[in-house]
Amino acid sequence: MTSIAHRYTTIIKESAIRHGFMGAGIARAEHMDAEAIRLEQWLKQGYHGEMAYMANHFDMRVDPTKLVPGAKSVISLLYNYYPGLA
């Protein structure tokens, strides 16, 4: 990682904490081959229960560049919306 990329990564993660998130992660925006296989199996086994929307837009779930063409990175934020279980 270049020093400027590292600097921006640090800024984003620290900002997430300041804004009440428990953490943040940054990953490349690319097709996720292994995850696609696991997600497809998970859906076929019905593990998504009543969350039928999980089967929608499969191609975009496993390749974020199809959702946002030209995207280079994906920022994920962690927030515990039920802290009583933490």
PDB file of N, CA and C in Angstrom:
ATOM      1  N   MET A   1       0.846  -1.168   0.000  1.00  0.00           N
ATOM      2  CA  MET A   1       0.000   0.000   0.000  1.00  0.00           C
ATOM      3  C   MET A   1       0.895   1.235   0.000  1.00  0.00           C
ATOM      4  N   THR A   2       0.556   2.175  -0.855  1.00  0.00           N
ATOM      5  CA  THR A   2       1.340   3.402  -0.903  1.00  0.00           C
ATOM      6  C   THR A   2       1.071   4.227   0.346  1.00  0.00           C
ATOM      7  N   SER A   3       1.978   5.152   0.610  1.00  0.00           N
ATOM      8  CA  SER A   3       1.814   5.963   1.821  1.00  0.00           C
ATOM      9  C   SER A   3       0.550   6.814   1.759  1.00  0.00           C
ATOM     10  N   ILE A   4       0.188   7.305   0.569  1.00  0.00           N
ATOM     11  CA  ILE A   4      -1.032   8.118   0.478  1.00  0.00           C
ATOM     12  C   ILE A   4      -2.268   7.238   0.672  1.00  0.00           C
ATOM     13  N   ALA A   5      -2.250   6.014   0.137  1.00  0.00           N
ATOM     14  CA  ALA A   5      -3.374   5.092   0.335  1.00  0.00           C
ATOM     15  C   ALA A   5      -3.492   4.731   1.813  1.00  0.00           C
ATOM     16  N   HIS A   6      -2.365   4.494   2.446  1.00  0.00           N
ATOM     17  CA  HIS A   6      -2.362   4.173   3.878  1.00  0.00           C
ATOM     18  C   HIS A   6      -2.913   5.346   4.683  1.00  0.00           C
ATOM     19  N   ARG A   7      -2.535   6.541   4.296  1.00  0.00           N
ATOM     20  CA  ARG A   7      -3.003   7.747   4.993  1.00  0.00           C
ATOM     21  C   ARG A   7      -4.521   7.874   4.894  1.00  0.00           C
ATOM     22  N   TYR A   8      -5.061   7.702   3.676  1.00  0.00           N
ATOM     23  CA  TYR A   8      -6.512   7.803   3.503  1.00  0.00           C
ATOM     24  C   TYR A   8      -7.242   6.672   4.217  1.00  0.00           C
ATOM     25  N   THR A   9      -6.672   5.488   4.219  1.00  0.00           N
ATOM     26  CA  THR A   9      -7.265   4.360   4.942  1.00  0.00           C
ATOM     27  C   THR A   9      -7.381   4.691   6.422  1.00  0.00           C
ATOM     28  N   THR A  10      -6.325   5.232   6.985  1.00  0.00           N
ATOM     29  CA  THR A  10      -6.328   5.618   8.396  1.00  0.00           C
ATOM     30  C   THR A  10      -7.375   6.688   8.667  1.00  0.00           C
ATOM     31  N   ILE A  11      -7.459   7.682   7.803  1.00  0.00           N
ATOM     32  CA  ILE A  11      -8.442   8.761   7.968  1.00  0.00           C
ATOM     33  C   ILE A  11      -9.863   8.197   7.950  1.00  0.00           C
ATOM     34  N   ILE A  12     -10.146   7.319   7.006  1.00  0.00           N
ATOM     35  CA  ILE A  12     -11.489   6.738   6.887  1.00  0.00           C
ATOM     36  C   ILE A  12     -11.834   5.917   8.126  1.00  0.00           C
ATOM     37  N   LYS A  13     -10.912   5.074   8.559  1.00  0.00           N
ATOM     38  CA  LYS A  13     -11.181   4.214   9.720  1.00  0.00           C
ATOM     39  C   LYS A  13     -11.339   5.027  11.002  1.00  0.00           C
ATOM     40  N   GLU A  14     -10.508   6.027  11.192  1.00  0.00           N
ATOM     41  CA  GLU A  14     -10.628   6.876  12.383  1.00  0.00           C
ATOM     42  C   GLU A  14     -11.918   7.686  12.358  1.00  0.00           C
ATOM     43  N   SER A  15     -12.301   8.152  11.182  1.00  0.00           N
ATOM     44  CA  SER A  15     -13.544   8.907  11.043  1.00  0.00           C
ATOM     45  C   SER A  15     -14.754   8.025  11.353  1.00  0.00           C
ATOM     46  N   ALA A  16     -14.710   6.781  10.928  1.00  0.00           N
ATOM     47  CA  ALA A  16     -15.806   5.849  11.216  1.00  0.00           C
ATOM     48  C   ALA A  16     -15.996   5.690  12.721  1.00  0.00           C
ATOM     49  N   ILE A  17     -14.901   5.534  13.442  1.00  0.00           N
ATOM     50  CA  ILE A  17     -14.967   5.389  14.902  1.00  0.00           C
ATOM     51  C   ILE A  17     -15.540   6.663  15.531  1.00  0.00           C
ATOM     52  N   ARG A  18     -15.058   7.819  15.079  1.00  0.00           N
ATOM     53  CA  ARG A  18     -15.551   9.097  15.610  1.00  0.00           C
ATOM     54  C   ARG A  18     -17.048   9.272  15.378  1.00  0.00           C
ATOM     55  N   HIS A  19     -17.555   8.695  14.301  1.00  0.00           N
ATOM     56  CA  HIS A  19     -18.971   8.836  13.962  1.00  0.00           C
ATOM     57  C   HIS A  19     -19.836   7.715  14.540  1.00  0.00           C
ATOM     58  N   GLY A  20     -19.280   6.947  15.452  1.00  0.00           N
ATOM     59  CA  GLY A  20     -20.083   5.973  16.178  1.00  0.00           C
ATOM     60  C   GLY A  20     -20.064   4.549  15.658  1.00  0.00           C
ATOM     61  N   PHE A  21     -19.299   4.287  14.617  1.00  0.00           N
ATOM     62  CA  PHE A  21     -19.191   2.918  14.119  1.00  0.00           C
ATOM     63  C   PHE A  21     -18.172   2.156  14.956  1.00  0.00           C
ATOM     64  N   MET A  22     -18.323   0.860  14.997  1.00  0.00           N
ATOM     65  CA  MET A  22     -17.405   0.033  15.782  1.00  0.00           C
ATOM     66  C   MET A  22     -16.129  -0.289  15.006  1.00  0.00           C
ATOM     67  N   GLY A  23     -16.168  -0.108  13.716  1.00  0.00           N
ATOM     68  CA  GLY A  23     -15.002  -0.376  12.897  1.00  0.00           C
ATOM     69  C   GLY A  23     -15.308  -0.134  11.436  1.00  0.00           C
ATOM     70  N   ALA A  24     -14.278  -0.265  10.612  1.00  0.00           N
ATOM     71  CA  ALA A  24     -14.414  -0.081   9.172  1.00  0.00           C
ATOM     72  C   ALA A  24     -13.378  -0.951   8.477  1.00  0.00           C
ATOM     73  N   GLY A  25     -13.709  -1.359   7.282  1.00  0.00           N
ATOM     74  CA  GLY A  25     -12.774  -2.131   6.476  1.00  0.00           C
ATOM     75  C   GLY A  25     -12.827  -1.636   5.046  1.00  0.00           C
ATOM     76  N   ILE A  26     -11.728  -1.799   4.347  1.00  0.00           N
ATOM     77  CA  ILE A  26     -11.647  -1.361   2.957  1.00  0.00           C
ATOM     78  C   ILE A  26     -11.085  -2.517   2.147  1.00  0.00           C
ATOM     79  N   ALA A  27     -11.754  -2.815   1.030  1.00  0.00           N
ATOM     80  CA  ALA A  27     -11.331  -3.921   0.172  1.00  0.00           C
ATOM     81  C   ALA A  27     -11.388  -3.483  -1.285  1.00  0.00           C
ATOM     82  N   ARG A  28     -10.680  -4.197  -2.126  1.00  0.00           N
ATOM     83  CA  ARG A  28     -10.741  -3.925  -3.559  1.00  0.00           C
ATOM     84  C   ARG A  28     -12.135  -4.242  -4.082  1.00  0.00           C
ATOM     85  N   ALA A  29     -12.607  -3.443  -5.014  1.00  0.00           N
ATOM     86  CA  ALA A  29     -13.877  -3.718  -5.690  1.00  0.00           C
ATOM     87  C   ALA A  29     -13.561  -4.637  -6.862  1.00  0.00           C
ATOM     88  N   GLU A  30     -13.869  -5.910  -6.695  1.00  0.00           N
ATOM     89  CA  GLU A  30     -13.592  -6.898  -7.736  1.00  0.00           C
ATOM     90  C   GLU A  30     -14.530  -8.084  -7.565  1.00  0.00           C
ATOM     91  N   HIS A  31     -14.629  -8.900  -8.606  1.00  0.00           N
ATOM     92  CA  HIS A  31     -15.475 -10.091  -8.528  1.00  0.00           C
ATOM     93  C   HIS A  31     -14.918 -11.017  -7.459  1.00  0.00           C
ATOM     94  N   MET A  32     -15.811 -11.526  -6.637  1.00  0.00           N
ATOM     95  CA  MET A  32     -15.410 -12.388  -5.522  1.00  0.00           C
ATOM     96  C   MET A  32     -15.775 -13.834  -5.859  1.00  0.00           C
ATOM     97  N   ASP A  33     -14.872 -14.535  -6.526  1.00  0.00           N
ATOM     98  CA  ASP A  33     -15.145 -15.887  -7.012  1.00  0.00           C
ATOM     99  C   ASP A  33     -15.520 -16.855  -5.899  1.00  0.00           C
ATOM    100  N   ALA A  34     -14.691 -16.971  -4.883  1.00  0.00           N
ATOM    101  CA  ALA A  34     -14.936 -17.934  -3.804  1.00  0.00           C
ATOM    102  C   ALA A  34     -16.212 -17.580  -3.042  1.00  0.00           C
ATOM    103  N   GLU A  35     -16.425 -16.297  -2.796  1.00  0.00           N
ATOM    104  CA  GLU A  35     -17.611 -15.865  -2.067  1.00  0.00           C
ATOM    105  C   GLU A  35     -18.870 -16.122  -2.878  1.00  0.00           C
ATOM    106  N   ALA A  36     -18.778 -15.994  -4.210  1.00  0.00           N
ATOM    107  CA  ALA A  36     -19.933 -16.252  -5.074  1.00  0.00           C
ATOM    108  C   ALA A  36     -20.393 -17.697  -4.943  1.00  0.00           C
ATOM    109  N   ILE A  37     -19.446 -18.615  -4.909  1.00  0.00           N
ATOM    110  CA  ILE A  37     -19.780 -20.035  -4.761  1.00  0.00           C
ATOM    111  C   ILE A  37     -20.455 -20.276  -3.417  1.00  0.00           C
ATOM    112  N   ARG A  38     -19.872 -19.720  -2.361  1.00  0.00           N
ATOM    113  CA  ARG A  38     -20.453 -19.914  -1.021  1.00  0.00           C
ATOM    114  C   ARG A  38     -21.832 -19.267  -0.899  1.00  0.00           C
ATOM    115  N   LEU A  39     -22.004 -18.072  -1.452  1.00  0.00           N
ATOM    116  CA  LEU A  39     -23.299 -17.397  -1.388  1.00  0.00           C
ATOM    117  C   LEU A  39     -24.350 -18.184  -2.159  1.00  0.00           C
ATOM    118  N   GLU A  40     -23.986 -18.679  -3.321  1.00  0.00           N
ATOM    119  CA  GLU A  40     -24.935 -19.461  -4.117  1.00  0.00           C
ATOM    120  C   GLU A  40     -25.385 -20.710  -3.354  1.00  0.00           C
ATOM    121  N   GLN A  41     -24.455 -21.401  -2.731  1.00  0.00           N
ATOM    122  CA  GLN A  41     -24.792 -22.588  -1.936  1.00  0.00           C
ATOM    123  C   GLN A  41     -25.669 -22.209  -0.744  1.00  0.00           C
ATOM    124  N   TRP A  42     -25.326 -21.141  -0.078  1.00  0.00           N
ATOM    125  CA  TRP A  42     -26.067 -20.665   1.085  1.00  0.00           C
ATOM    126  C   TRP A  42     -27.515 -20.369   0.706  1.00  0.00           C
ATOM    127  N   LEU A  43     -27.694 -19.690  -0.443  1.00  0.00           N
ATOM    128  CA  LEU A  43     -29.042 -19.367  -0.913  1.00  0.00           C
ATOM    129  C   LEU A  43     -29.811 -20.630  -1.290  1.00  0.00           C
ATOM    130  N   LYS A  44     -29.166 -21.545  -2.011  1.00  0.00           N
ATOM    131  CA  LYS A  44     -29.825 -22.789  -2.431  1.00  0.00           C
ATOM    132  C   LYS A  44     -30.269 -23.625  -1.236  1.00  0.00           C
ATOM    133  N   GLN A  45     -29.532 -23.543  -0.139  1.00  0.00           N
ATOM    134  CA  GLN A  45     -29.880 -24.303   1.062  1.00  0.00           C
ATOM    135  C   GLN A  45     -30.950 -23.597   1.899  1.00  0.00           C
ATOM    136  N   GLY A  46     -31.347 -22.415   1.465  1.00  0.00           N
ATOM    137  CA  GLY A  46     -32.418 -21.689   2.136  1.00  0.00           C
ATOM    138  C   GLY A  46     -32.028 -21.030   3.438  1.00  0.00           C
ATOM    139  N   TYR A  47     -30.727 -20.840   3.646  1.00  0.00           N
ATOM    140  CA  TYR A  47     -30.267 -20.246   4.900  1.00  0.00           C
ATOM    141  C   TYR A  47     -30.668 -18.782   5.063  1.00  0.00           C
ATOM    142  N   HIS A  48     -31.129 -18.165   3.988  1.00  0.00           N
ATOM    143  CA  HIS A  48     -31.540 -16.764   4.082  1.00  0.00           C
ATOM    144  C   HIS A  48     -32.952 -16.619   4.659  1.00  0.00           C
ATOM    145  N   GLY A  49     -33.630 -17.732   4.932  1.00  0.00           N
ATOM    146  CA  GLY A  49     -34.934 -17.708   5.591  1.00  0.00           C
ATOM    147  C   GLY A  49     -35.930 -16.815   4.882  1.00  0.00           C
ATOM    148  N   GLU A  50     -36.512 -15.885   5.616  1.00  0.00           N
ATOM    149  CA  GLU A  50     -37.520 -14.978   5.063  1.00  0.00           C
ATOM    150  C   GLU A  50     -36.901 -13.765   4.369  1.00  0.00           C
ATOM    151  N   MET A  51     -35.593 -13.708   4.306  1.00  0.00           N
ATOM    152  CA  MET A  51     -34.918 -12.562   3.668  1.00  0.00           C
ATOM    153  C   MET A  51     -34.773 -12.832   2.170  1.00  0.00           C
ATOM    154  N   ALA A  52     -35.912 -12.898   1.461  1.00  0.00           N
ATOM    155  CA  ALA A  52     -35.915 -13.231   0.034  1.00  0.00           C
ATOM    156  C   ALA A  52     -35.053 -12.272  -0.786  1.00  0.00           C
ATOM    157  N   TYR A  53     -34.945 -11.039  -0.320  1.00  0.00           N
ATOM    158  CA  TYR A  53     -34.156 -10.042  -1.043  1.00  0.00           C
ATOM    159  C   TYR A  53     -32.693 -10.460  -1.199  1.00  0.00           C
ATOM    160  N   MET A  54     -32.218 -11.358  -0.356  1.00  0.00           N
ATOM    161  CA  MET A  54     -30.819 -11.800  -0.448  1.00  0.00           C
ATOM    162  C   MET A  54     -30.524 -12.484  -1.779  1.00  0.00           C
ATOM    163  N   ALA A  55     -31.548 -13.041  -2.420  1.00  0.00           N
ATOM    164  CA  ALA A  55     -31.358 -13.702  -3.712  1.00  0.00           C
ATOM    165  C   ALA A  55     -31.402 -12.709  -4.871  1.00  0.00           C
ATOM    166  N   ASN A  56     -31.849 -11.498  -4.618  1.00  0.00           N
ATOM    167  CA  ASN A  56     -31.926 -10.476  -5.672  1.00  0.00           C
ATOM    168  C   ASN A  56     -30.537  -9.960  -6.037  1.00  0.00           C
ATOM    169  N   HIS A  57     -30.366  -9.644  -7.300  1.00  0.00           N
ATOM    170  CA  HIS A  57     -29.151  -8.990  -7.797  1.00  0.00           C
ATOM    171  C   HIS A  57     -27.883  -9.758  -7.422  1.00  0.00           C
ATOM    172  N   PHE A  58     -27.922 -11.064  -7.603  1.00  0.00           N
ATOM    173  CA  PHE A  58     -26.785 -11.912  -7.241  1.00  0.00           C
ATOM    174  C   PHE A  58     -25.487 -11.405  -7.875  1.00  0.00           C
ATOM    175  N   ASP A  59     -25.561 -11.040  -9.161  1.00  0.00           N
ATOM    176  CA  ASP A  59     -24.349 -10.595  -9.864  1.00  0.00           C
ATOM    177  C   ASP A  59     -23.724  -9.366  -9.212  1.00  0.00           C
ATOM    178  N   MET A  60     -24.542  -8.468  -8.693  1.00  0.00           N
ATOM    179  CA  MET A  60     -24.005  -7.269  -8.042  1.00  0.00           C
ATOM    180  C   MET A  60     -23.490  -7.565  -6.636  1.00  0.00           C
ATOM    181  N   ARG A  61     -24.053  -8.573  -5.991  1.00  0.00           N
ATOM    182  CA  ARG A  61     -23.589  -8.945  -4.647  1.00  0.00           C
ATOM    183  C   ARG A  61     -22.179  -9.527  -4.684  1.00  0.00           C
ATOM    184  N   VAL A  62     -21.839 -10.168  -5.789  1.00  0.00           N
ATOM    185  CA  VAL A  62     -20.526 -10.811  -5.869  1.00  0.00           C
ATOM    186  C   VAL A  62     -19.529 -10.022  -6.722  1.00  0.00           C
ATOM    187  N   ASP A  63     -19.975  -8.904  -7.286  1.00  0.00           N
ATOM    188  CA  ASP A  63     -19.070  -8.041  -8.059  1.00  0.00           C
ATOM    189  C   ASP A  63     -19.527  -6.592  -7.915  1.00  0.00           C
ATOM    190  N   PRO A  64     -18.977  -5.876  -6.937  1.00  0.00           N
ATOM    191  CA  PRO A  64     -19.423  -4.505  -6.684  1.00  0.00           C
ATOM    192  C   PRO A  64     -19.216  -3.551  -7.854  1.00  0.00           C
ATOM    193  N   THR A  65     -18.344  -3.888  -8.804  1.00  0.00           N
ATOM    194  CA  THR A  65     -18.154  -3.004  -9.958  1.00  0.00           C
ATOM    195  C   THR A  65     -19.356  -3.045 -10.894  1.00  0.00           C
ATOM    196  N   LYS A  66     -20.221  -4.038 -10.739  1.00  0.00           N
ATOM    197  CA  LYS A  66     -21.460  -4.065 -11.524  1.00  0.00           C
ATOM    198  C   LYS A  66     -22.505  -3.144 -10.907  1.00  0.00           C
ATOM    199  N   LEU A  67     -22.392  -2.892  -9.640  1.00  0.00           N
ATOM    200  CA  LEU A  67     -23.291  -1.957  -8.962  1.00  0.00           C
ATOM    201  C   LEU A  67     -22.814  -0.524  -9.179  1.00  0.00           C
ATOM    202  N   VAL A  68     -21.505  -0.318  -9.070  1.00  0.00           N
ATOM    203  CA  VAL A  68     -20.906   1.009  -9.254  1.00  0.00           C
ATOM    204  C   VAL A  68     -19.755   0.866 -10.254  1.00  0.00           C
ATOM    205  N   PRO A  69     -20.062   1.025 -11.553  1.00  0.00           N
ATOM    206  CA  PRO A  69     -19.003   0.892 -12.561  1.00  0.00           C
ATOM    207  C   PRO A  69     -17.845   1.852 -12.281  1.00  0.00           C
ATOM    208  N   GLY A  70     -16.642   1.335 -12.397  1.00  0.00           N
ATOM    209  CA  GLY A  70     -15.457   2.147 -12.161  1.00  0.00           C
ATOM    210  C   GLY A  70     -15.000   2.181 -10.715  1.00  0.00           C
ATOM    211  N   ALA A  71     -15.764   1.557  -9.828  1.00  0.00           N
ATOM    212  CA  ALA A  71     -15.373   1.537  -8.410  1.00  0.00           C
ATOM    213  C   ALA A  71     -14.035   0.834  -8.250  1.00  0.00           C
ATOM    214  N   LYS A  72     -13.210   1.340  -7.382  1.00  0.00           N
ATOM    215  CA  LYS A  72     -11.897   0.750  -7.104  1.00  0.00           C
ATOM    216  C   LYS A  72     -11.866   0.063  -5.749  1.00  0.00           C
ATOM    217  N   SER A  73     -12.650   0.593  -4.795  1.00  0.00           N
ATOM    218  CA  SER A  73     -12.648   0.066  -3.430  1.00  0.00           C
ATOM    219  C   SER A  73     -14.060   0.036  -2.874  1.00  0.00           C
ATOM    220  N   VAL A  74     -14.224  -0.789  -1.846  1.00  0.00           N
ATOM    221  CA  VAL A  74     -15.487  -0.870  -1.112  1.00  0.00           C
ATOM    222  C   VAL A  74     -15.175  -0.587   0.351  1.00  0.00           C
ATOM    223  N   ILE A  75     -15.929   0.315   0.935  1.00  0.00           N
ATOM    224  CA  ILE A  75     -15.775   0.625   2.356  1.00  0.00           C
ATOM    225  C   ILE A  75     -16.947  -0.012   3.093  1.00  0.00           C
ATOM    226  N   SER A  76     -16.644  -0.841   4.070  1.00  0.00           N
ATOM    227  CA  SER A  76     -17.674  -1.485   4.893  1.00  0.00           C
ATOM    228  C   SER A  76     -17.571  -0.940   6.307  1.00  0.00           C
ATOM    229  N   LEU A  77     -18.720  -0.614   6.875  1.00  0.00           N
ATOM    230  CA  LEU A  77     -18.768  -0.068   8.228  1.00  0.00           C
ATOM    231  C   LEU A  77     -19.449  -1.062   9.157  1.00  0.00           C
ATOM    232  N   LEU A  78     -18.955  -1.158  10.378  1.00  0.00           N
ATOM    233  CA  LEU A  78     -19.487  -2.070  11.381  1.00  0.00           C
ATOM    234  C   LEU A  78     -20.258  -1.273  12.422  1.00  0.00           C
ATOM    235  N   TYR A  79     -21.526  -1.649  12.604  1.00  0.00           N
ATOM    236  CA  TYR A  79     -22.360  -0.983  13.601  1.00  0.00           C
ATOM    237  C   TYR A  79     -23.232  -2.017  14.287  1.00  0.00           C
ATOM    238  N   ASN A  80     -23.138  -2.114  15.585  1.00  0.00           N
ATOM    239  CA  ASN A  80     -23.957  -3.034  16.361  1.00  0.00           C
ATOM    240  C   ASN A  80     -25.252  -2.309  16.704  1.00  0.00           C
ATOM    241  N   TYR A  81     -26.321  -2.645  15.989  1.00  0.00           N
ATOM    242  CA  TYR A  81     -27.583  -1.957  16.230  1.00  0.00           C
ATOM    243  C   TYR A  81     -28.353  -2.544  17.410  1.00  0.00           C
ATOM    244  N   TYR A  82     -27.800  -3.569  18.052  1.00  0.00           N
ATOM    245  CA  TYR A  82     -28.405  -4.112  19.266  1.00  0.00           C
ATOM    246  C   TYR A  82     -27.298  -4.370  20.280  1.00  0.00           C
ATOM    247  N   PRO A  83     -26.742  -3.303  20.864  1.00  0.00           N
ATOM    248  CA  PRO A  83     -25.583  -3.452  21.749  1.00  0.00           C
ATOM    249  C   PRO A  83     -25.849  -4.259  23.013  1.00  0.00           C
ATOM    250  N   GLY A  84     -27.111  -4.543  23.324  1.00  0.00           N
ATOM    251  CA  GLY A  84     -27.406  -5.345  24.499  1.00  0.00           C
ATOM    252  C   GLY A  84     -26.848  -6.755  24.400  1.00  0.00           C
ATOM    253  N   LEU A  85     -26.553  -7.207  23.198  1.00  0.00           N
ATOM    254  CA  LEU A  85     -26.006  -8.548  22.992  1.00  0.00           C
ATOM    255  C   LEU A  85     -24.494  -8.557  22.866  1.00  0.00           C
ATOM    256  N   ALA A  86     -23.884  -7.406  22.890  1.00  0.00           N
ATOM    257  CA  ALA A  86     -22.426  -7.338  22.693  1.00  0.00           C
ATOM    258  C   ALA A  86     -21.676  -7.832  23.909  1.00  0.00           C
TER     259      ALA A  86
END
